[in-house]
Protein backbone atom coordinates (compact mmCIF):
# COMPACT_ATOMS: atom_id res chain seq x y z
CA MET A 1 53.29 79.11 62.13
CA GLY A 2 53.80 77.44 65.53
CA PRO A 3 54.14 73.75 66.25
CA SER A 4 51.13 71.52 65.71
CA GLU A 5 49.06 70.30 68.66
CA VAL A 6 50.55 66.80 68.30
CA LEU A 7 54.08 68.21 68.24
CA GLN A 8 53.33 70.32 71.31
CA LYS A 9 52.26 67.16 73.18
CA ILE A 10 55.35 65.25 72.05
CA ILE A 11 57.60 68.15 73.07
CA GLY A 12 55.87 68.20 76.46
CA TRP A 13 56.63 64.50 76.95
CA LEU A 14 60.22 65.02 75.78
CA ARG A 15 60.64 67.82 78.31
CA ALA A 16 59.18 65.62 81.06
CA GLY A 17 61.51 62.74 80.18
CA TYR A 18 64.47 64.97 79.40
CA PRO A 19 64.10 68.12 81.53
CA GLU A 20 67.67 69.17 80.72
CA GLY A 21 67.17 68.53 76.99
CA VAL A 22 67.56 65.50 74.74
CA PRO A 23 71.22 64.53 74.44
CA SER A 24 72.40 64.18 70.86
CA THR A 25 73.06 60.46 71.46
CA ASP A 26 69.37 59.85 72.19
CA TYR A 27 67.89 61.25 68.98
CA VAL A 28 68.64 58.11 66.92
CA PRO A 29 66.91 55.72 69.34
CA LEU A 30 64.12 58.28 69.85
CA PHE A 31 63.31 58.35 66.13
CA ALA A 32 63.68 54.57 65.89
CA LEU A 33 61.16 54.23 68.71
CA LEU A 34 58.80 56.72 67.09
CA LYS A 35 59.00 54.80 63.81
CA THR A 36 57.66 51.71 65.60
CA GLN A 37 54.63 53.67 66.81
CA LEU A 38 53.85 56.28 64.17
CA PRO A 39 53.65 56.39 60.37
CA GLU A 40 56.90 57.41 58.66
CA ASP A 41 55.44 60.70 57.39
CA GLU A 42 54.43 61.73 60.92
CA VAL A 43 57.93 60.99 62.25
CA VAL A 44 59.45 63.05 59.41
CA THR A 45 57.03 65.91 60.11
CA PHE A 46 57.80 65.76 63.82
CA ALA A 47 61.56 65.83 63.16
CA ALA A 48 61.23 68.76 60.74
CA GLU A 49 59.10 70.78 63.15
CA LEU A 50 61.39 69.95 66.08
CA ALA A 51 64.45 70.96 64.04
CA ALA A 52 62.75 74.24 63.09
CA LEU A 53 62.28 75.01 66.79
CA SER A 54 65.91 74.21 67.61
CA ASP A 55 69.20 76.01 67.27
CA ASP A 56 71.28 75.26 64.16
CA ASP A 57 73.55 72.69 65.83
CA THR A 58 70.64 70.75 67.34
CA ALA A 59 68.71 70.91 64.06
CA LYS A 60 71.68 69.34 62.29
CA VAL A 61 71.84 66.54 64.90
CA ILE A 62 68.08 65.95 64.54
CA ASN A 63 68.28 65.73 60.74
CA GLU A 64 71.25 63.37 60.89
CA ALA A 65 69.54 61.21 63.53
CA LEU A 66 66.39 60.92 61.44
CA THR A 67 68.34 59.44 58.55
CA GLY A 68 70.31 57.16 60.90
CA CYS A 69 67.45 55.90 63.04
CA SER A 70 67.23 52.61 61.18
CA ASP A 71 70.81 51.97 62.36
CA CYS A 72 70.02 52.14 66.07
CA GLU A 73 72.94 50.38 67.68
CA SER A 74 71.15 48.23 70.24
CA ASP A 75 67.96 47.20 71.92
CA ALA A 76 69.51 48.59 75.10
CA GLU A 77 69.48 52.09 73.59
CA LEU A 78 65.82 51.74 72.69
CA ALA A 79 65.01 50.42 76.17
CA ARG A 80 66.91 53.29 77.81
CA VAL A 81 65.09 55.95 75.78
CA ARG A 82 61.75 54.16 76.19
CA ALA A 83 62.22 54.12 79.97
CA ARG A 84 63.07 57.85 80.07
CA LEU A 85 60.00 58.73 78.04
CA ALA A 86 57.72 56.39 80.01
CA ALA A 87 58.91 58.01 83.24
CA GLY A 88 57.81 61.34 81.78
CA GLY A 89 54.33 60.01 80.96
CA TRP A 90 54.90 59.18 77.27
CA PRO A 91 51.95 56.95 76.31
CA LEU A 92 53.77 55.29 73.38
CA ALA A 93 56.76 54.16 75.42
CA GLN A 94 55.84 51.51 77.92
CA PRO A 95 58.70 50.48 80.22
CA ASP A 96 60.64 47.43 79.04
CA ARG A 97 59.69 44.80 81.60
CA SER A 98 61.88 42.11 79.99
CA GLN A 99 64.95 43.74 81.58
CA SER A 100 63.60 43.28 85.15
């Protein structure tokens, strides 16, 4: 079974914001950001489907990031990831205008 329609859209936005791929350091703030916008079960489903589409090393990073996303180190990390996604057209990630 392929990725859901919602996952396909999210992957499209991720590719637009991260054309060279999401660096492992950005998965924790990515999931923390998603948890502010989506129900927990949808974030978990997204992470599981994304991990299933990834190679083993990336899947491990995704699973570890999902459990660590409540420990996002700083607002700056969230703002950085939010800005990347917003630049790619992500509708849930408006640019952080407080940093201007």
